[in-house]
């Protein structure tokens, strides 16, 4: 049984969190679609991640990945094969689509297909302007030794 949450009260009492609420709604909607094929999300370092998707039976030509505005989309569609000769067909080959909403400044570093797993490497690169920086504190005695700043003004007539 899927539980649906109403985020309307949060929209009314907050400003600037629209993207967060949209992410929550999209995640809730995406869970109901499909979890096939299974996947893992692994944190491999402080700023590196890996998504591993089990794509047994899919070739590189059967897979398509796109990244646009923080959304990574992975699609798979096998080439049509004749079903002649199969007594039992247990390896699923149906089309799939997974969407991963990535945080700001996370980019796809590369992908490889190995042993039936599609491995997608992600890295978070925070721009220098957004990194924390140390602010030097000036002592009062240093401020007092500076010459006074004179504000120039026109003389009154």
N, C-alpha and C. Protein backbone atom coordinates (compact mmCIF):
# COMPACT_ATOMS: atom_id res chain seq x y z
N UNK A 1 0.84 -1.17 0.00
CA UNK A 1 0.00 0.00 0.00
C UNK A 1 0.89 1.24 0.00
N UNK A 2 0.68 2.11 -0.96
CA UNK A 2 1.48 3.33 -1.07
C UNK A 2 0.83 4.44 -0.26
N UNK A 3 1.64 5.16 0.47
CA UNK A 3 1.16 6.28 1.26
C UNK A 3 1.45 7.56 0.49
N UNK A 4 0.44 8.42 0.41
CA UNK A 4 0.60 9.69 -0.28
C UNK A 4 0.64 10.81 0.75
N UNK A 5 1.62 11.69 0.61
CA UNK A 5 1.77 12.80 1.54
C UNK A 5 1.32 14.10 0.89
N UNK A 6 0.69 14.96 1.68
CA UNK A 6 0.25 16.25 1.20
C UNK A 6 1.25 17.30 1.69
N UNK A 7 1.97 17.93 0.75
CA UNK A 7 2.98 18.91 1.10
C UNK A 7 2.43 20.34 1.09
N UNK A 8 1.14 20.51 0.85
CA UNK A 8 0.54 21.85 0.76
C UNK A 8 0.79 22.70 2.01
N UNK A 9 0.66 22.16 3.23
CA UNK A 9 0.94 23.01 4.41
C UNK A 9 2.38 23.51 4.44
N UNK A 10 3.31 22.73 3.94
CA UNK A 10 4.70 23.16 3.91
C UNK A 10 4.91 24.28 2.89
N UNK A 11 4.20 24.22 1.76
CA UNK A 11 4.30 25.27 0.76
C UNK A 11 3.82 26.60 1.34
N UNK A 12 2.78 26.56 2.17
CA UNK A 12 2.19 27.78 2.72
C UNK A 12 3.08 28.43 3.78
N UNK A 13 3.93 27.64 4.44
CA UNK A 13 4.69 28.19 5.56
C UNK A 13 6.19 28.30 5.28
N UNK A 14 6.62 28.19 4.04
CA UNK A 14 8.03 28.30 3.74
C UNK A 14 8.24 29.05 2.43
N UNK A 15 9.40 29.64 2.31
CA UNK A 15 9.74 30.39 1.11
C UNK A 15 11.10 29.91 0.62
N UNK A 16 11.18 29.62 -0.66
CA UNK A 16 12.47 29.26 -1.25
C UNK A 16 12.81 27.79 -1.20
N UNK A 17 11.91 26.95 -0.73
CA UNK A 17 12.18 25.52 -0.65
C UNK A 17 11.42 24.75 -1.72
N UNK A 18 10.99 25.41 -2.77
CA UNK A 18 10.20 24.78 -3.82
C UNK A 18 10.90 23.56 -4.40
N UNK A 19 12.20 23.67 -4.65
CA UNK A 19 12.93 22.56 -5.26
C UNK A 19 12.94 21.34 -4.35
N UNK A 20 13.06 21.55 -3.04
CA UNK A 20 13.07 20.44 -2.09
C UNK A 20 11.73 19.71 -2.14
N UNK A 21 10.65 20.47 -2.13
CA UNK A 21 9.34 19.84 -2.16
C UNK A 21 9.08 19.13 -3.48
N UNK A 22 9.57 19.70 -4.58
CA UNK A 22 9.44 19.04 -5.87
C UNK A 22 10.22 17.72 -5.89
N UNK A 23 11.41 17.70 -5.27
CA UNK A 23 12.18 16.47 -5.18
C UNK A 23 11.42 15.41 -4.39
N UNK A 24 10.81 15.80 -3.28
CA UNK A 24 10.03 14.86 -2.47
C UNK A 24 8.85 14.30 -3.26
N UNK A 25 8.15 15.17 -3.96
CA UNK A 25 7.01 14.70 -4.76
C UNK A 25 7.45 13.78 -5.89
N UNK A 26 8.56 14.13 -6.57
CA UNK A 26 9.06 13.29 -7.65
C UNK A 26 9.52 11.93 -7.13
N UNK A 27 10.19 11.92 -5.98
CA UNK A 27 10.65 10.65 -5.40
C UNK A 27 9.45 9.78 -5.04
N UNK A 28 8.42 10.39 -4.49
CA UNK A 28 7.23 9.63 -4.12
C UNK A 28 6.54 9.06 -5.36
N UNK A 29 6.48 9.85 -6.42
CA UNK A 29 5.83 9.41 -7.65
C UNK A 29 6.66 8.32 -8.33
N UNK A 30 7.99 8.46 -8.31
CA UNK A 30 8.86 7.51 -8.99
C UNK A 30 8.85 6.14 -8.32
N UNK A 31 8.67 6.08 -7.01
CA UNK A 31 8.67 4.80 -6.31
C UNK A 31 7.51 3.92 -6.77
N UNK A 32 6.42 4.53 -7.17
CA UNK A 32 5.27 3.73 -7.57
C UNK A 32 5.40 3.18 -8.98
N UNK A 33 6.33 3.70 -9.78
CA UNK A 33 6.45 3.27 -11.16
C UNK A 33 7.06 1.87 -11.24
N UNK A 34 8.35 1.76 -10.93
CA UNK A 34 9.01 0.46 -11.03
C UNK A 34 10.39 0.54 -10.39
N UNK A 35 10.78 -0.54 -9.76
CA UNK A 35 12.12 -0.64 -9.21
C UNK A 35 12.95 -1.66 -10.00
N UNK A 36 12.52 -1.94 -11.22
CA UNK A 36 13.24 -2.88 -12.05
C UNK A 36 14.01 -2.14 -13.10
N UNK A 37 15.21 -2.45 -13.40
CA UNK A 37 16.08 -3.41 -12.73
C UNK A 37 16.59 -2.85 -11.41
N UNK A 38 17.00 -3.72 -10.51
CA UNK A 38 17.48 -3.25 -9.21
C UNK A 38 18.77 -2.44 -9.35
N UNK A 39 18.98 -1.54 -8.40
CA UNK A 39 20.17 -0.70 -8.44
C UNK A 39 20.64 -0.41 -7.02
N UNK A 40 21.92 -0.05 -6.91
CA UNK A 40 22.52 0.37 -5.64
C UNK A 40 23.09 1.76 -5.84
N UNK A 41 23.06 2.56 -4.77
CA UNK A 41 23.74 3.84 -4.75
C UNK A 41 24.77 3.75 -3.63
N UNK A 42 26.04 3.93 -3.98
CA UNK A 42 27.14 3.70 -3.05
C UNK A 42 27.94 4.99 -2.90
N UNK A 43 28.25 5.36 -1.66
CA UNK A 43 29.14 6.49 -1.42
C UNK A 43 30.55 5.93 -1.34
N UNK A 44 31.39 6.29 -2.31
CA UNK A 44 32.73 5.72 -2.40
C UNK A 44 33.81 6.63 -1.82
N UNK A 45 33.47 7.86 -1.46
CA UNK A 45 34.42 8.81 -0.88
C UNK A 45 33.65 10.00 -0.35
N UNK A 46 34.39 11.01 0.11
CA UNK A 46 33.73 12.20 0.65
C UNK A 46 32.87 12.89 -0.40
N UNK A 47 33.35 12.96 -1.64
CA UNK A 47 32.62 13.65 -2.70
C UNK A 47 32.41 12.78 -3.93
N UNK A 48 32.46 11.46 -3.78
CA UNK A 48 32.27 10.57 -4.92
C UNK A 48 31.21 9.52 -4.61
N UNK A 49 30.45 9.17 -5.64
CA UNK A 49 29.36 8.22 -5.51
C UNK A 49 29.38 7.30 -6.72
N UNK A 50 28.71 6.16 -6.59
CA UNK A 50 28.57 5.22 -7.69
C UNK A 50 27.14 4.69 -7.69
N UNK A 51 26.55 4.67 -8.87
CA UNK A 51 25.25 4.01 -9.06
C UNK A 51 25.53 2.74 -9.83
N UNK A 52 25.10 1.61 -9.30
CA UNK A 52 25.27 0.31 -9.96
C UNK A 52 23.89 -0.24 -10.31
N UNK A 53 23.63 -0.44 -11.58
CA UNK A 53 22.33 -0.94 -12.05
C UNK A 53 22.54 -2.32 -12.65
N UNK A 54 21.76 -3.30 -12.20
CA UNK A 54 21.86 -4.67 -12.72
C UNK A 54 21.16 -4.74 -14.07
N UNK A 55 21.94 -4.83 -15.13
CA UNK A 55 21.39 -4.84 -16.49
C UNK A 55 21.82 -6.11 -17.24
N UNK A 56 21.65 -7.25 -16.58
CA UNK A 56 22.04 -8.52 -17.20
C UNK A 56 21.31 -8.70 -18.53
N UNK A 57 22.06 -9.06 -19.55
CA UNK A 57 21.48 -9.30 -20.86
C UNK A 57 21.43 -8.07 -21.75
N UNK A 58 21.72 -6.90 -21.23
CA UNK A 58 21.72 -5.69 -22.03
C UNK A 58 23.14 -5.41 -22.51
N UNK A 59 23.27 -5.01 -23.76
CA UNK A 59 24.56 -4.62 -24.33
C UNK A 59 24.69 -3.10 -24.25
N UNK A 60 25.89 -2.59 -24.51
CA UNK A 60 26.10 -1.14 -24.47
C UNK A 60 25.17 -0.40 -25.43
N UNK A 61 24.90 -1.00 -26.59
CA UNK A 61 24.02 -0.36 -27.57
C UNK A 61 22.57 -0.32 -27.12
N UNK A 62 22.21 -1.16 -26.13
CA UNK A 62 20.84 -1.21 -25.64
C UNK A 62 20.57 -0.16 -24.55
N UNK A 63 21.62 0.50 -24.07
CA UNK A 63 21.50 1.43 -22.95
C UNK A 63 21.73 2.86 -23.41
N UNK A 64 21.01 3.78 -22.79
CA UNK A 64 21.14 5.20 -23.12
C UNK A 64 21.11 6.01 -21.84
N UNK A 65 22.09 6.90 -21.67
CA UNK A 65 22.15 7.75 -20.48
C UNK A 65 22.17 9.20 -20.92
N UNK A 66 21.37 10.03 -20.24
CA UNK A 66 21.39 11.47 -20.48
C UNK A 66 21.41 12.19 -19.14
N UNK A 67 22.07 13.35 -19.13
CA UNK A 67 22.14 14.18 -17.94
C UNK A 67 21.78 15.59 -18.34
N UNK A 68 20.72 16.11 -17.72
CA UNK A 68 20.29 17.46 -18.03
C UNK A 68 19.68 18.10 -16.79
N UNK A 69 20.20 19.25 -16.41
CA UNK A 69 19.73 20.05 -15.28
C UNK A 69 19.45 19.21 -14.04
N UNK A 70 20.49 18.55 -13.54
CA UNK A 70 20.47 17.76 -12.31
C UNK A 70 19.66 16.47 -12.40
N UNK A 71 19.22 16.08 -13.58
CA UNK A 71 18.46 14.85 -13.74
C UNK A 71 19.23 13.88 -14.62
N UNK A 72 19.61 12.74 -14.03
CA UNK A 72 20.28 11.67 -14.77
C UNK A 72 19.22 10.64 -15.13
N UNK A 73 19.10 10.37 -16.43
CA UNK A 73 18.12 9.40 -16.91
C UNK A 73 18.85 8.24 -17.57
N UNK A 74 18.53 7.03 -17.13
CA UNK A 74 19.13 5.82 -17.70
C UNK A 74 17.99 5.01 -18.30
N UNK A 75 18.09 4.73 -19.60
CA UNK A 75 17.07 3.96 -20.31
C UNK A 75 17.70 2.70 -20.90
N UNK A 76 16.92 1.65 -20.92
CA UNK A 76 17.37 0.41 -21.52
C UNK A 76 16.28 -0.18 -22.39
N UNK A 77 16.64 -0.58 -23.60
CA UNK A 77 15.68 -1.24 -24.50
C UNK A 77 16.47 -2.21 -25.36
N UNK A 78 16.14 -3.50 -25.17
CA UNK A 78 16.86 -4.54 -25.92
C UNK A 78 16.37 -4.58 -27.35
N UNK A 79 17.30 -4.98 -28.22
CA UNK A 79 16.93 -5.19 -29.62
C UNK A 79 15.99 -6.39 -29.69
N UNK A 80 15.07 -6.33 -30.59
CA UNK A 80 14.09 -7.42 -30.73
C UNK A 80 14.79 -8.71 -31.15
N UNK A 81 14.51 -9.77 -30.41
CA UNK A 81 15.04 -11.09 -30.75
C UNK A 81 13.86 -12.03 -30.96
N UNK A 82 14.06 -13.01 -31.78
CA UNK A 82 12.98 -13.99 -31.97
C UNK A 82 12.91 -14.89 -30.75
N UNK A 83 11.72 -15.27 -30.37
CA UNK A 83 11.55 -16.11 -29.19
C UNK A 83 11.57 -17.59 -29.55
N UNK A 84 11.96 -17.91 -30.77
CA UNK A 84 12.02 -19.31 -31.19
C UNK A 84 13.17 -20.01 -30.47
N UNK A 85 12.94 -21.22 -30.04
CA UNK A 85 13.96 -22.02 -29.41
C UNK A 85 13.98 -21.91 -27.90
N UNK A 86 13.31 -20.93 -27.34
CA UNK A 86 13.28 -20.80 -25.89
C UNK A 86 12.29 -21.79 -25.29
N UNK A 87 12.74 -22.56 -24.34
CA UNK A 87 11.84 -23.42 -23.57
C UNK A 87 11.37 -22.65 -22.33
N UNK A 88 12.30 -21.91 -21.74
CA UNK A 88 11.98 -21.04 -20.60
C UNK A 88 12.75 -19.74 -20.77
N UNK A 89 12.07 -18.63 -20.59
CA UNK A 89 12.73 -17.32 -20.71
C UNK A 89 12.59 -16.59 -19.38
N UNK A 90 13.63 -16.67 -18.54
CA UNK A 90 13.58 -16.09 -17.21
C UNK A 90 14.39 -14.82 -17.05
N UNK A 91 15.26 -14.52 -18.01
CA UNK A 91 16.04 -13.29 -17.93
C UNK A 91 15.21 -12.18 -18.55
N UNK A 92 14.83 -11.24 -17.70
CA UNK A 92 13.97 -10.15 -18.16
C UNK A 92 14.73 -9.25 -19.11
N UNK A 93 14.06 -8.86 -20.16
CA UNK A 93 14.67 -7.96 -21.13
C UNK A 93 13.74 -6.83 -21.49
N UNK A 94 12.79 -6.56 -20.60
CA UNK A 94 11.81 -5.50 -20.92
C UNK A 94 12.46 -4.12 -20.80
N UNK A 95 11.91 -3.16 -21.50
CA UNK A 95 12.47 -1.80 -21.44
C UNK A 95 12.34 -1.22 -20.04
N UNK A 96 13.26 -0.32 -19.68
CA UNK A 96 13.20 0.33 -18.38
C UNK A 96 13.68 1.76 -18.49
N UNK A 97 13.36 2.53 -17.48
CA UNK A 97 13.85 3.90 -17.37
C UNK A 97 13.98 4.25 -15.89
N UNK A 98 15.17 4.66 -15.50
CA UNK A 98 15.42 5.12 -14.13
C UNK A 98 15.81 6.58 -14.19
N UNK A 99 15.28 7.36 -13.25
CA UNK A 99 15.63 8.78 -13.16
C UNK A 99 16.23 9.03 -11.79
N UNK A 100 17.37 9.69 -11.78
CA UNK A 100 18.06 10.03 -10.54
C UNK A 100 18.21 11.54 -10.48
N UNK A 101 17.64 12.15 -9.47
CA UNK A 101 17.77 13.59 -9.26
C UNK A 101 19.08 13.82 -8.51
N UNK A 102 20.01 14.51 -9.13
CA UNK A 102 21.31 14.73 -8.53
C UNK A 102 21.36 16.11 -7.88
N UNK A 103 22.13 16.21 -6.81
CA UNK A 103 22.28 17.48 -6.11
C UNK A 103 23.04 18.47 -6.98
N UNK A 104 22.99 19.73 -6.58
CA UNK A 104 23.75 20.76 -7.28
C UNK A 104 25.23 20.42 -7.23
N UNK A 105 25.93 20.70 -8.30
CA UNK A 105 27.38 20.52 -8.42
C UNK A 105 27.80 19.05 -8.47
N UNK A 106 26.87 18.13 -8.68
CA UNK A 106 27.23 16.72 -8.88
C UNK A 106 27.19 16.46 -10.38
N UNK A 107 28.27 15.90 -10.88
CA UNK A 107 28.32 15.61 -12.32
C UNK A 107 28.68 14.14 -12.53
N UNK A 108 28.34 13.65 -13.72
CA UNK A 108 28.66 12.27 -14.09
C UNK A 108 30.10 12.26 -14.57
N UNK A 109 30.91 11.42 -13.92
CA UNK A 109 32.34 11.35 -14.23
C UNK A 109 32.64 10.27 -15.27
N UNK A 110 31.74 9.31 -15.44
CA UNK A 110 31.95 8.24 -16.40
C UNK A 110 31.02 7.07 -16.12
N UNK A 111 30.98 6.14 -17.04
CA UNK A 111 30.14 4.94 -16.89
C UNK A 111 30.80 3.78 -17.61
N UNK A 112 30.58 2.58 -17.07
CA UNK A 112 31.10 1.39 -17.72
C UNK A 112 30.14 0.23 -17.49
N UNK A 113 30.14 -0.69 -18.43
CA UNK A 113 29.31 -1.89 -18.34
C UNK A 113 30.24 -3.06 -18.08
N UNK A 114 30.08 -3.71 -16.92
CA UNK A 114 30.99 -4.79 -16.54
C UNK A 114 30.22 -5.86 -15.79
N UNK A 115 30.32 -7.10 -16.26
CA UNK A 115 29.69 -8.25 -15.61
C UNK A 115 28.20 -8.06 -15.32
N UNK A 116 27.49 -7.48 -16.27
CA UNK A 116 26.05 -7.30 -16.11
C UNK A 116 25.65 -6.13 -15.24
N UNK A 117 26.63 -5.31 -14.83
CA UNK A 117 26.34 -4.13 -14.03
C UNK A 117 26.73 -2.88 -14.81
N UNK A 118 25.84 -1.91 -14.83
CA UNK A 118 26.16 -0.60 -15.38
C UNK A 118 26.62 0.24 -14.20
N UNK A 119 27.89 0.64 -14.20
CA UNK A 119 28.47 1.41 -13.11
C UNK A 119 28.61 2.86 -13.56
N UNK A 120 27.95 3.77 -12.84
CA UNK A 120 27.97 5.19 -13.17
C UNK A 120 28.70 5.91 -12.04
N UNK A 121 29.80 6.56 -12.37
CA UNK A 121 30.60 7.27 -11.38
C UNK A 121 30.17 8.73 -11.32
N UNK A 122 29.92 9.21 -10.10
CA UNK A 122 29.49 10.59 -9.89
C UNK A 122 30.49 11.29 -8.98
N UNK A 123 30.68 12.58 -9.18
CA UNK A 123 31.58 13.35 -8.33
C UNK A 123 30.93 14.71 -8.04
N UNK A 124 31.08 15.15 -6.79
CA UNK A 124 30.56 16.46 -6.40
C UNK A 124 31.73 17.43 -6.40
N UNK A 125 31.62 18.48 -7.21
CA UNK A 125 32.65 19.49 -7.33
C UNK A 125 32.05 20.84 -6.98
N UNK A 126 32.37 21.32 -5.79
CA UNK A 126 31.85 22.60 -5.34
C UNK A 126 32.75 23.70 -5.88
N UNK A 127 32.19 24.70 -6.56
CA UNK A 127 33.02 25.79 -7.09
C UNK A 127 33.73 26.56 -5.97
N UNK A 128 34.87 27.13 -6.28
CA UNK A 128 35.66 27.87 -5.29
C UNK A 128 34.85 28.97 -4.62
N UNK A 129 34.00 29.63 -5.40
CA UNK A 129 33.21 30.74 -4.85
C UNK A 129 32.24 30.28 -3.76
N UNK A 130 31.85 29.01 -3.78
CA UNK A 130 30.89 28.50 -2.80
C UNK A 130 31.54 27.77 -1.64
N UNK A 131 32.84 27.53 -1.72
CA UNK A 131 33.53 26.83 -0.63
C UNK A 131 33.70 27.78 0.55
N UNK A 132 33.71 27.24 1.77
CA UNK A 132 33.93 28.10 2.93
C UNK A 132 35.33 28.72 2.87
N UNK A 133 35.43 29.95 3.31
CA UNK A 133 36.74 30.61 3.34
C UNK A 133 36.94 31.28 4.69
N UNK A 134 38.18 31.37 5.09
CA UNK A 134 38.52 31.94 6.38
C UNK A 134 38.52 33.45 6.29
N UNK A 135 37.89 34.09 7.25
CA UNK A 135 37.82 35.55 7.32
C UNK A 135 38.78 35.99 8.42
N UNK A 136 39.72 36.85 8.05
CA UNK A 136 40.68 37.36 9.02
C UNK A 136 40.01 38.41 9.90
N UNK A 137 40.28 38.35 11.18
CA UNK A 137 39.72 39.31 12.12
C UNK A 137 40.80 40.35 12.42
N UNK A 138 40.47 41.62 12.23
CA UNK A 138 41.42 42.70 12.46
C UNK A 138 41.32 43.16 13.91
N UNK A 139 42.47 43.40 14.52
CA UNK A 139 42.49 43.86 15.91
C UNK A 139 42.10 45.32 15.98
N UNK A 140 41.54 45.74 17.10
CA UNK A 140 41.10 47.12 17.29
C UNK A 140 42.30 48.06 17.22
N UNK A 141 43.45 47.69 17.76
CA UNK A 141 44.63 48.55 17.74
C UNK A 141 45.08 48.82 16.30
N UNK A 142 44.92 47.85 15.41
CA UNK A 142 45.29 48.05 14.01
C UNK A 142 44.35 49.02 13.33
N UNK A 143 43.08 48.95 13.70
CA UNK A 143 42.10 49.87 13.12
C UNK A 143 42.36 51.30 13.60
N UNK A 144 42.77 51.45 14.86
CA UNK A 144 43.01 52.78 15.42
C UNK A 144 44.22 53.44 14.79
N UNK A 145 45.19 52.65 14.32
CA UNK A 145 46.40 53.21 13.74
C UNK A 145 46.20 53.68 12.30
N UNK A 146 45.09 53.31 11.70
CA UNK A 146 44.82 53.76 10.34
C UNK A 146 44.45 55.24 10.36
N UNK A 147 44.86 56.01 9.35
CA UNK A 147 44.48 57.43 9.33
C UNK A 147 42.97 57.57 9.19
N UNK A 148 42.43 58.61 9.80
CA UNK A 148 40.98 58.78 9.71
C UNK A 148 40.56 59.09 8.27
N UNK A 149 39.41 58.60 7.91
CA UNK A 149 38.89 58.81 6.56
C UNK A 149 38.06 60.08 6.58
N UNK A 150 38.41 61.03 5.72
CA UNK A 150 37.68 62.30 5.67
C UNK A 150 36.67 62.22 4.55
N UNK A 151 35.48 62.60 4.88
CA UNK A 151 34.43 62.62 3.87
C UNK A 151 34.41 64.03 3.28
N UNK A 152 34.58 64.10 1.99
CA UNK A 152 34.60 65.42 1.33
C UNK A 152 33.18 65.86 1.07
N UNK A 153 32.98 67.11 1.30
CA UNK A 153 31.66 67.69 1.05
C UNK A 153 31.84 69.10 0.56
N UNK A 154 30.84 69.63 -0.07
CA UNK A 154 30.90 71.01 -0.52
C UNK A 154 30.70 71.94 0.65
N UNK A 155 31.39 73.04 0.64
CA UNK A 155 31.24 74.02 1.69
C UNK A 155 29.91 74.74 1.51
N UNK A 156 29.28 74.98 2.64
CA UNK A 156 28.02 75.72 2.58
C UNK A 156 28.31 77.18 2.32
N UNK A 157 27.47 77.84 1.56
CA UNK A 157 27.73 79.23 1.20
C UNK A 157 27.32 80.19 2.25
